[in-house]
N, C-alpha and C. Protein backbone atom coordinates (compact mmCIF):
# COMPACT_ATOMS: atom_id res chain seq x y z
N MET A 1 144.48 85.93 -13.50
CA MET A 1 145.32 85.66 -14.49
C MET A 1 146.20 86.77 -14.40
N THR A 2 147.29 86.77 -14.45
CA THR A 2 148.45 87.65 -14.46
C THR A 2 148.60 88.13 -15.66
N SER A 3 149.27 89.08 -15.69
CA SER A 3 149.60 89.97 -17.18
C SER A 3 150.64 89.11 -17.28
N SER A 4 151.42 88.44 -17.13
CA SER A 4 152.45 87.22 -18.10
C SER A 4 151.71 86.16 -18.73
N GLN A 5 150.61 85.96 -18.29
CA GLN A 5 149.87 85.17 -19.18
C GLN A 5 149.61 85.80 -20.43
N ASN A 6 149.41 84.59 -21.18
CA ASN A 6 149.12 84.97 -22.84
C ASN A 6 147.42 84.94 -22.86
N VAL A 7 147.15 86.27 -22.88
CA VAL A 7 145.62 86.54 -23.20
C VAL A 7 145.29 86.42 -24.73
N LYS A 8 144.21 85.78 -25.30
CA LYS A 8 144.06 85.81 -26.88
C LYS A 8 142.59 86.59 -26.69
N TRP A 9 142.78 88.06 -27.43
CA TRP A 9 141.99 88.75 -27.31
C TRP A 9 140.77 88.40 -28.60
N PRO A 10 139.40 88.72 -28.75
CA PRO A 10 138.82 88.48 -29.99
C PRO A 10 139.14 89.40 -30.90
N VAL A 11 139.29 88.98 -32.31
CA VAL A 11 139.41 89.94 -33.68
C VAL A 11 138.02 90.24 -33.94
N LEU A 12 137.91 91.68 -34.02
CA LEU A 12 136.73 91.90 -34.60
C LEU A 12 136.71 92.69 -35.66
N ASP A 13 136.07 91.94 -36.78
CA ASP A 13 136.19 93.02 -38.03
C ASP A 13 135.42 94.04 -38.04
N SER A 14 135.22 94.98 -39.04
CA SER A 14 134.50 96.09 -39.08
C SER A 14 133.10 95.62 -39.18
N HIS A 15 132.48 94.92 -39.65
CA HIS A 15 131.03 94.47 -39.49
C HIS A 15 130.82 94.18 -38.18
N ALA A 16 131.52 93.05 -37.20
CA ALA A 16 131.34 93.15 -35.96
C ALA A 16 131.42 94.47 -34.92
N LEU A 17 132.50 95.23 -35.46
CA LEU A 17 132.23 96.31 -34.78
C LEU A 17 131.24 97.46 -34.77
N SER A 18 130.74 97.36 -36.06
CA SER A 18 129.64 98.55 -36.56
C SER A 18 128.21 97.66 -35.67
N GLN A 19 128.27 96.42 -35.62
CA GLN A 19 127.31 95.84 -34.80
C GLN A 19 127.28 96.05 -33.27
N LEU A 20 128.39 96.08 -32.94
CA LEU A 20 128.78 96.26 -31.30
C LEU A 20 128.04 97.81 -31.13
N HIS A 21 128.52 98.83 -31.97
CA HIS A 21 128.25 100.02 -31.91
C HIS A 21 126.97 100.21 -31.74
N VAL A 22 126.09 99.51 -32.83
CA VAL A 22 124.45 99.89 -32.67
C VAL A 22 123.93 99.32 -32.05
N SER A 23 124.49 98.04 -30.96
CA SER A 23 123.62 97.67 -30.20
C SER A 23 124.03 98.45 -28.91
N SER A 24 125.21 98.93 -28.78
CA SER A 24 125.28 99.86 -27.61
C SER A 24 124.31 101.11 -27.65
N PHE A 25 124.25 101.84 -28.78
CA PHE A 25 123.51 102.79 -29.04
C PHE A 25 122.04 102.62 -28.90
N LEU A 26 121.50 101.18 -29.32
CA LEU A 26 120.12 100.98 -29.08
C LEU A 26 120.12 100.99 -27.50
N ARG A 27 120.67 99.95 -26.80
CA ARG A 27 120.53 100.05 -25.49
C ARG A 27 120.72 101.44 -24.73
N HIS A 28 121.31 102.14 -25.37
CA HIS A 28 121.66 103.65 -24.67
C HIS A 28 120.12 104.28 -24.91
N ASN A 29 119.35 103.96 -26.15
CA ASN A 29 118.19 104.86 -26.61
C ASN A 29 117.10 104.39 -25.54
N HIS A 30 117.17 103.05 -25.13
CA HIS A 30 116.16 102.66 -24.35
C HIS A 30 116.56 102.56 -22.80
N ALA A 31 117.38 103.27 -22.59
CA ALA A 31 117.82 103.17 -20.87
C ALA A 31 116.89 103.82 -20.36
N MET A 32 116.54 103.64 -19.38
CA MET A 32 115.49 104.63 -18.57
C MET A 32 116.39 105.66 -17.48
N ASP A 33 115.53 106.84 -17.49
CA ASP A 33 115.93 108.08 -16.65
C ASP A 33 115.42 107.50 -15.08
N GLN A 34 115.87 108.32 -14.23
CA GLN A 34 115.13 108.05 -12.86
C GLN A 34 114.98 109.44 -12.03
N ILE A 35 113.95 109.73 -11.53
CA ILE A 35 113.40 110.68 -10.87
C ILE A 35 112.80 110.59 -9.51
N GLN A 36 113.01 111.33 -8.33
CA GLN A 36 112.12 111.24 -7.36
C GLN A 36 111.21 112.32 -7.05
N VAL A 37 109.98 112.16 -6.65
CA VAL A 37 109.00 113.13 -6.75
C VAL A 37 108.42 112.44 -5.32
N GLY A 38 108.50 113.58 -4.46
CA GLY A 38 108.13 112.98 -2.94
C GLY A 38 108.90 111.84 -2.57
N GLN A 39 108.08 110.87 -1.87
CA GLN A 39 108.85 109.72 -1.49
C GLN A 39 109.33 108.77 -2.62
N GLN A 40 108.43 108.96 -3.76
CA GLN A 40 108.40 107.93 -4.70
C GLN A 40 109.58 107.89 -5.90
N ILE A 41 110.27 106.79 -5.84
CA ILE A 41 111.46 106.88 -7.01
C ILE A 41 111.08 106.13 -8.04
N ILE A 42 111.11 106.66 -9.35
CA ILE A 42 110.72 105.94 -10.54
C ILE A 42 111.54 105.82 -11.79
N ARG A 43 111.99 104.84 -12.39
CA ARG A 43 112.67 104.89 -13.79
C ARG A 43 111.58 104.62 -14.96
N PHE A 44 111.75 105.82 -15.79
CA PHE A 44 111.11 105.96 -17.17
C PHE A 44 111.74 106.07 -18.08
N ASP A 45 110.96 105.65 -19.26
CA ASP A 45 111.41 105.72 -20.68
C ASP A 45 110.83 106.90 -21.47
N THR A 46 111.10 107.99 -21.49
CA THR A 46 110.77 109.14 -21.99
C THR A 46 110.24 109.01 -23.79
N ASP A 47 111.31 108.54 -24.36
CA ASP A 47 111.34 108.37 -25.77
C ASP A 47 110.06 107.13 -26.27
N ARG A 48 110.27 105.83 -25.52
CA ARG A 48 109.01 104.91 -25.37
C ARG A 48 107.61 105.35 -25.17
N THR A 49 107.50 106.21 -24.13
CA THR A 49 106.33 106.85 -23.95
C THR A 49 105.57 107.81 -25.01
N ARG A 50 106.54 108.48 -25.42
CA ARG A 50 106.17 109.56 -26.62
C ARG A 50 105.64 108.94 -27.80
N LYS A 51 106.29 107.66 -28.04
CA LYS A 51 105.93 107.01 -29.31
C LYS A 51 104.54 106.42 -29.17
N ALA A 52 104.50 105.59 -27.92
CA ALA A 52 103.03 105.22 -27.59
C ALA A 52 102.08 106.26 -27.77
N TYR A 53 102.01 107.38 -27.06
CA TYR A 53 100.90 108.55 -27.49
C TYR A 53 100.97 108.95 -28.63
N ALA A 54 101.80 108.72 -29.45
CA ALA A 54 101.86 109.51 -30.87
C ALA A 54 100.95 108.36 -31.68
N LEU A 55 100.97 107.19 -31.01
CA LEU A 55 99.90 106.13 -31.86
C LEU A 55 98.44 106.34 -31.20
N MET A 56 98.17 106.92 -30.09
CA MET A 56 96.97 107.35 -29.66
C MET A 56 96.07 108.39 -30.51
N GLU A 57 94.85 107.94 -30.45
CA GLU A 57 94.02 108.72 -31.31
C GLU A 57 93.85 110.11 -30.46
N ARG A 58 93.17 109.64 -29.42
CA ARG A 58 92.57 110.60 -28.51
C ARG A 58 92.63 110.15 -26.90
N GLY A 59 92.39 110.87 -25.85
CA GLY A 59 92.46 110.59 -24.45
C GLY A 59 91.17 109.83 -24.18
N ASP A 60 91.00 109.11 -22.92
CA ASP A 60 89.63 108.60 -22.59
C ASP A 60 88.46 109.52 -22.77
N ALA A 61 88.62 110.75 -22.07
CA ALA A 61 87.38 111.60 -21.88
C ALA A 61 86.81 111.80 -23.24
N GLU A 62 87.70 111.99 -24.31
CA GLU A 62 86.86 112.07 -25.55
C GLU A 62 86.70 111.05 -26.23
N ARG A 63 87.01 109.74 -25.85
CA ARG A 63 86.53 108.38 -26.03
C ARG A 63 85.25 108.26 -25.43
N CYS A 64 85.07 108.98 -24.54
CA CYS A 64 83.76 108.28 -23.73
C CYS A 64 82.82 109.17 -24.38
N GLY A 65 82.74 110.15 -23.91
CA GLY A 65 81.93 111.53 -24.43
C GLY A 65 80.70 111.76 -23.60
N CYS A 66 80.57 111.14 -22.41
CA CYS A 66 79.50 111.41 -21.41
C CYS A 66 79.59 112.89 -21.02
N SER A 67 78.32 113.16 -20.56
CA SER A 67 78.53 114.64 -19.75
C SER A 67 79.48 115.12 -18.89
N TYR A 68 79.92 113.81 -17.92
CA TYR A 68 81.09 114.19 -17.00
C TYR A 68 82.30 114.48 -17.68
N CYS A 69 82.61 113.64 -18.80
CA CYS A 69 83.99 113.60 -19.26
C CYS A 69 84.03 114.86 -20.37
N ARG A 70 82.72 115.45 -20.53
CA ARG A 70 82.82 116.64 -21.43
C ARG A 70 83.09 117.73 -20.78
N ASN A 71 82.83 117.67 -19.35
CA ASN A 71 82.89 118.17 -18.12
C ASN A 71 84.40 118.68 -18.07
N PHE A 72 84.89 117.68 -17.88
CA PHE A 72 86.36 117.29 -17.94
C PHE A 72 87.07 118.46 -18.94
N SER A 73 87.12 117.51 -19.82
CA SER A 73 87.70 118.29 -21.19
C SER A 73 87.67 119.42 -21.41
N ALA A 74 86.41 120.02 -21.20
CA ALA A 74 86.23 121.44 -21.21
C ALA A 74 86.89 122.14 -20.56
N GLN A 75 87.62 121.89 -19.19
CA GLN A 75 88.41 122.56 -18.38
C GLN A 75 89.91 121.87 -18.36
N ARG A 76 90.01 121.24 -19.22
CA ARG A 76 91.59 120.32 -19.46
C ARG A 76 92.81 121.17 -19.03
N SER A 77 92.60 122.50 -19.99
CA SER A 77 93.55 123.29 -19.89
C SER A 77 93.88 124.19 -18.76
N THR A 78 93.16 124.05 -17.63
CA THR A 78 93.16 124.79 -16.48
C THR A 78 93.25 123.65 -15.04
N VAL A 79 93.20 122.59 -15.46
CA VAL A 79 92.90 121.32 -14.55
C VAL A 79 94.37 120.84 -13.63
N TYR A 80 95.46 120.90 -14.57
CA TYR A 80 96.68 120.28 -14.11
C TYR A 80 97.60 121.56 -13.98
N PRO A 81 98.19 121.82 -12.79
CA PRO A 81 98.95 122.75 -12.15
C PRO A 81 100.26 122.59 -12.91
N GLN A 82 100.90 123.71 -13.09
CA GLN A 82 102.22 123.74 -14.01
C GLN A 82 103.39 122.63 -13.21
N ASN A 83 103.52 122.17 -12.44
CA ASN A 83 104.23 121.54 -11.79
C ASN A 83 103.85 119.93 -12.37
N PHE A 84 102.61 119.65 -12.43
CA PHE A 84 101.96 118.32 -13.06
C PHE A 84 102.43 118.22 -14.40
N ARG A 85 102.31 119.49 -15.29
CA ARG A 85 102.46 119.47 -16.53
C ARG A 85 104.09 119.65 -16.78
N SER A 86 104.78 120.09 -15.99
CA SER A 86 106.14 119.82 -16.23
C SER A 86 106.48 118.15 -16.31
N LEU A 87 105.87 117.74 -15.30
CA LEU A 87 106.15 116.01 -14.92
C LEU A 87 105.50 115.47 -16.38
N LEU A 88 104.43 115.69 -16.63
CA LEU A 88 103.93 115.05 -17.91
C LEU A 88 105.14 115.20 -18.92
N GLU A 89 105.34 116.51 -19.15
CA GLU A 89 106.40 116.71 -20.13
C GLU A 89 107.67 115.73 -19.88
N GLN A 90 108.34 115.95 -18.79
CA GLN A 90 109.26 114.96 -18.60
C GLN A 90 109.18 113.35 -18.67
N LEU A 91 108.15 112.86 -18.57
CA LEU A 91 107.85 111.54 -18.57
C LEU A 91 107.60 111.20 -20.16
N GLY A 92 107.19 112.05 -20.98
CA GLY A 92 106.97 112.01 -22.27
C GLY A 92 105.32 111.85 -22.49
N ILE A 93 104.56 112.27 -21.35
CA ILE A 93 103.21 111.94 -21.67
C ILE A 93 102.43 113.07 -22.32
N ASP A 94 101.33 112.97 -23.17
CA ASP A 94 100.47 114.12 -23.79
C ASP A 94 99.35 114.35 -22.76
N PRO A 95 99.63 115.44 -22.60
CA PRO A 95 98.64 115.75 -21.61
C PRO A 95 97.01 116.02 -21.89
N GLU A 96 96.80 115.84 -23.18
CA GLU A 96 95.43 115.86 -23.64
C GLU A 96 94.88 114.41 -23.96
N LYS A 97 95.65 113.48 -23.62
CA LYS A 97 95.32 112.06 -23.78
C LYS A 97 95.34 110.96 -22.43
N GLU A 98 94.71 111.16 -21.36
CA GLU A 98 94.48 110.50 -19.94
C GLU A 98 94.10 109.01 -20.80
N GLY A 99 94.56 108.14 -19.68
CA GLY A 99 94.36 106.84 -19.97
C GLY A 99 92.75 106.55 -19.35
N GLU A 100 92.74 107.29 -18.55
CA GLU A 100 91.23 107.40 -17.82
C GLU A 100 90.83 108.29 -16.96
N VAL A 101 89.53 108.78 -17.04
CA VAL A 101 89.21 109.87 -16.31
C VAL A 101 87.75 109.62 -15.34
N TYR A 102 87.52 109.78 -14.59
CA TYR A 102 86.30 109.20 -13.87
C TYR A 102 85.79 110.65 -12.75
N GLU A 103 84.69 110.50 -12.85
CA GLU A 103 83.82 111.30 -11.59
C GLU A 103 83.04 110.69 -10.68
N CYS A 104 83.23 111.21 -9.38
CA CYS A 104 82.83 110.54 -8.31
C CYS A 104 81.68 111.37 -7.51
N GLY A 105 81.35 112.21 -8.09
CA GLY A 105 80.07 112.88 -7.67
C GLY A 105 80.32 114.20 -6.90
N PRO A 106 79.33 114.59 -6.58
CA PRO A 106 79.46 116.19 -5.86
C PRO A 106 80.44 116.50 -4.48
N GLU A 107 80.94 117.33 -4.51
CA GLU A 107 81.65 117.52 -2.95
C GLU A 107 81.31 119.07 -3.00
N ASN A 108 80.42 119.46 -2.12
CA ASN A 108 80.13 120.99 -1.95
C ASN A 108 79.75 121.15 -3.33
N SER A 109 80.13 122.29 -3.70
CA SER A 109 79.86 123.00 -5.00
C SER A 109 80.80 122.62 -6.33
N LEU A 110 81.38 121.72 -5.67
CA LEU A 110 82.39 120.88 -7.13
C LEU A 110 81.94 119.49 -7.23
N ARG A 111 82.77 118.82 -8.11
CA ARG A 111 82.67 117.61 -8.29
C ARG A 111 84.19 116.91 -8.53
N LEU A 112 84.18 115.70 -7.66
CA LEU A 112 85.48 115.22 -7.42
C LEU A 112 85.68 114.21 -8.68
N TYR A 113 86.87 114.65 -9.42
CA TYR A 113 87.56 114.02 -10.55
C TYR A 113 89.06 113.14 -10.17
N GLY A 114 88.66 112.03 -11.04
CA GLY A 114 90.25 111.27 -10.93
C GLY A 114 90.71 110.49 -12.21
N GLY A 115 91.89 110.40 -12.23
CA GLY A 115 92.21 109.62 -13.56
C GLY A 115 93.54 109.29 -13.54
N TRP A 116 93.87 108.71 -14.85
CA TRP A 116 95.27 108.46 -14.83
C TRP A 116 95.78 108.34 -16.16
N PHE A 117 97.43 108.62 -16.59
CA PHE A 117 98.07 108.62 -17.74
C PHE A 117 99.04 107.50 -17.54
N TYR A 118 98.97 106.78 -18.52
CA TYR A 118 100.10 105.66 -18.64
C TYR A 118 101.25 106.20 -19.07
N PHE A 119 102.32 105.02 -18.91
CA PHE A 119 103.97 105.67 -19.27
C PHE A 119 104.80 104.49 -19.16
N ALA A 120 105.88 104.64 -20.15
CA ALA A 120 106.73 103.41 -19.62
C ALA A 120 107.58 103.49 -18.79
N GLY A 121 107.62 102.71 -17.57
CA GLY A 121 108.41 102.77 -16.59
C GLY A 121 108.16 101.87 -15.16
N GLU A 122 108.90 102.17 -14.27
CA GLU A 122 108.80 101.24 -13.13
C GLU A 122 108.97 102.03 -11.64
N LEU A 123 108.27 101.57 -10.94
CA LEU A 123 108.43 102.26 -9.64
C LEU A 123 109.54 101.64 -8.87
N THR A 124 110.55 102.55 -8.09
CA THR A 124 111.80 101.64 -7.55
C THR A 124 111.96 101.93 -6.07
N GLY A 125 110.91 103.01 -5.77
CA GLY A 125 111.14 103.61 -4.18
C GLY A 125 109.80 103.60 -3.48
N PRO A 126 109.68 104.32 -2.19
CA PRO A 126 108.15 103.86 -1.78
C PRO A 126 107.23 104.28 -2.31
N ASP A 127 105.93 103.86 -1.94
CA ASP A 127 104.80 104.02 -2.74
C ASP A 127 103.88 105.16 -1.97
N GLU A 128 104.01 106.10 -2.03
CA GLU A 128 103.37 107.55 -1.09
C GLU A 128 102.71 108.57 -2.19
N ARG A 129 101.44 109.04 -1.56
CA ARG A 129 101.02 109.88 -2.47
C ARG A 129 101.76 111.18 -2.38
N VAL A 130 101.74 112.13 -3.47
CA VAL A 130 102.40 113.18 -3.82
C VAL A 130 101.06 114.31 -3.76
N THR A 131 101.49 115.24 -2.99
CA THR A 131 100.21 116.55 -3.06
C THR A 131 100.78 117.58 -3.58
N ASP A 132 99.93 118.48 -4.44
CA ASP A 132 100.66 119.82 -4.65
C ASP A 132 99.97 120.70 -3.83
N SER A 133 100.79 121.39 -2.89
CA SER A 133 100.20 122.00 -1.78
C SER A 133 99.38 123.21 -1.92
N ASN A 134 99.48 123.74 -3.28
CA ASN A 134 98.87 124.85 -3.71
C ASN A 134 97.47 124.78 -4.03
N SER A 135 96.92 123.59 -4.12
CA SER A 135 95.64 123.23 -4.51
C SER A 135 94.98 122.15 -4.09
N ASP A 136 93.91 121.63 -4.46
CA ASP A 136 93.31 120.41 -4.14
C ASP A 136 93.88 119.27 -5.10
N PHE A 137 94.83 119.58 -6.08
CA PHE A 137 95.33 118.81 -7.01
C PHE A 137 96.33 117.74 -6.27
N GLN A 138 95.94 116.19 -6.30
CA GLN A 138 96.63 115.25 -5.61
C GLN A 138 97.27 114.14 -7.07
N TYR A 139 98.42 113.68 -6.95
CA TYR A 139 98.99 112.91 -7.92
C TYR A 139 100.20 111.95 -7.35
N TRP A 140 99.93 110.78 -7.59
CA TRP A 140 101.16 109.55 -7.44
C TRP A 140 101.06 108.63 -8.21
N PHE A 141 102.54 107.78 -8.40
CA PHE A 141 102.56 106.81 -9.31
C PHE A 141 102.16 105.60 -8.67
N ALA A 142 101.72 104.74 -9.55
CA ALA A 142 101.15 103.26 -9.53
C ALA A 142 101.39 102.65 -10.16
N ASP A 143 101.58 101.31 -10.07
CA ASP A 143 101.76 100.15 -11.31
C ASP A 143 100.85 99.93 -12.07
N ALA A 144 100.59 99.97 -13.35
CA ALA A 144 99.47 99.92 -14.16
C ALA A 144 98.77 98.61 -14.17
N LYS A 145 99.40 97.43 -13.45
CA LYS A 145 98.96 96.09 -13.88
C LYS A 145 97.72 96.15 -13.14
N GLN A 146 97.11 96.77 -12.38
CA GLN A 146 95.96 96.89 -11.67
C GLN A 146 94.81 97.36 -12.44
N TYR A 147 95.12 98.28 -13.43
CA TYR A 147 94.15 98.92 -14.38
C TYR A 147 93.61 98.18 -15.98
N PRO A 148 92.87 98.70 -16.55
CA PRO A 148 92.59 98.29 -17.99
C PRO A 148 93.76 98.29 -18.71
N ALA A 149 94.17 97.44 -19.64
CA ALA A 149 95.20 97.69 -20.68
C ALA A 149 95.18 98.73 -21.24
N PRO A 150 96.59 99.51 -21.73
CA PRO A 150 96.25 101.02 -22.36
C PRO A 150 96.01 100.34 -24.22
N ALA A 151 95.33 101.45 -24.60
CA ALA A 151 95.04 101.23 -26.04
C ALA A 151 96.40 100.94 -26.94
N VAL A 152 97.44 101.40 -26.44
CA VAL A 152 98.63 101.04 -27.45
C VAL A 152 99.69 100.36 -26.56
N ASP A 153 100.71 100.18 -27.13
CA ASP A 153 101.92 99.32 -26.42
C ASP A 153 102.99 100.44 -25.81
N PHE A 154 103.02 100.13 -24.37
CA PHE A 154 103.97 101.12 -23.89
C PHE A 154 105.16 99.88 -23.41
N GLY A 155 105.29 98.65 -23.81
CA GLY A 155 106.15 98.22 -23.43
C GLY A 155 105.85 97.12 -22.01
N LYS A 156 106.84 96.42 -21.69
CA LYS A 156 106.76 95.39 -20.73
C LYS A 156 106.35 95.88 -19.23
N SER A 157 107.24 97.38 -18.93
CA SER A 157 106.81 98.24 -17.53
C SER A 157 106.37 99.38 -17.95
N VAL A 158 104.85 99.10 -17.29
CA VAL A 158 103.76 100.19 -17.58
C VAL A 158 103.47 100.66 -16.21
N MET A 159 103.57 101.95 -16.16
CA MET A 159 103.31 102.74 -14.89
C MET A 159 102.02 103.54 -14.97
N SER A 160 101.24 104.16 -14.18
CA SER A 160 100.31 105.01 -14.05
C SER A 160 100.64 106.13 -13.15
N LEU A 161 100.47 107.48 -13.91
CA LEU A 161 100.55 108.80 -12.96
C LEU A 161 98.98 109.06 -12.82
N GLN A 162 98.42 108.91 -11.20
CA GLN A 162 97.18 109.05 -10.72
C GLN A 162 97.09 110.41 -10.74
N PHE A 163 95.78 110.83 -10.72
CA PHE A 163 95.50 112.25 -10.02
C PHE A 163 94.17 112.33 -9.50
N VAL A 164 94.11 113.01 -8.74
CA VAL A 164 92.58 113.37 -8.11
C VAL A 164 92.48 114.73 -8.01
N THR A 165 91.12 115.33 -8.35
CA THR A 165 91.00 116.87 -8.30
C THR A 165 89.71 117.18 -8.31
N LYS A 166 89.29 118.64 -8.08
CA LYS A 166 87.97 118.99 -7.67
C LYS A 166 87.73 120.01 -8.98
N LEU A 167 86.78 119.83 -9.48
CA LEU A 167 86.49 120.95 -10.48
C LEU A 167 84.89 121.30 -10.45
N PRO A 168 84.49 122.44 -11.00
CA PRO A 168 83.16 122.95 -11.13
C PRO A 168 82.41 122.23 -12.35
N TRP A 169 81.06 122.57 -12.49
CA TRP A 169 80.21 122.14 -13.49
C TRP A 169 80.32 123.29 -14.51
N ILE A 170 80.86 123.32 -15.69
CA ILE A 170 80.64 124.49 -16.36
C ILE A 170 80.10 124.19 -17.66
N ILE A 171 79.65 122.94 -18.03
CA ILE A 171 78.90 122.72 -19.56
C ILE A 171 77.28 122.71 -19.05
N SER A 172 76.59 123.18 -20.36
CA SER A 172 75.39 123.29 -20.22
C SER A 172 74.48 122.16 -19.48
N ASP A 173 75.03 120.65 -20.13
CA ASP A 173 74.18 119.44 -19.95
C ASP A 173 74.45 119.19 -18.29
N GLN A 174 73.13 119.08 -17.45
CA GLN A 174 73.26 118.70 -16.08
C GLN A 174 73.71 117.46 -16.14
N PRO A 175 74.47 117.08 -14.86
CA PRO A 175 74.79 115.76 -14.79
C PRO A 175 73.72 114.75 -14.21
């Protein structure tokens, strides 16, 4: 089409313009941010994740209540390194509400624990583990389709932020 051709542009009344603005605003609010952690690249929706966590009453360790989970939750404030806590905050994840916590048995004088957090997002880059070099704490992203469905709705694209760490046994109940 050349500039000399007559082009008929649609006429938008004030209602149509307001609807266009609202639609654009809603799409913008649900746009995903992207980050790279190690070799993994993910897109995530912080707002959707925060809304889902607001609907969650408590995390898995409190729902379960077994001695292994009580031992984990008694140490939760020191389990996660600061860089991992910053990542949780950036993704919109409540650090008190793990989707799952599990114990894998003794490893020398410590116990091996793992678990994951759910969040709204998708993996777009290589699938490789990320390790915190200052501790035995490891974490990585994985598609949540292979895990039990979260207790609340995170939307169509759900990811998990997996972790593994070693902890001492600190509660009086023996395993």
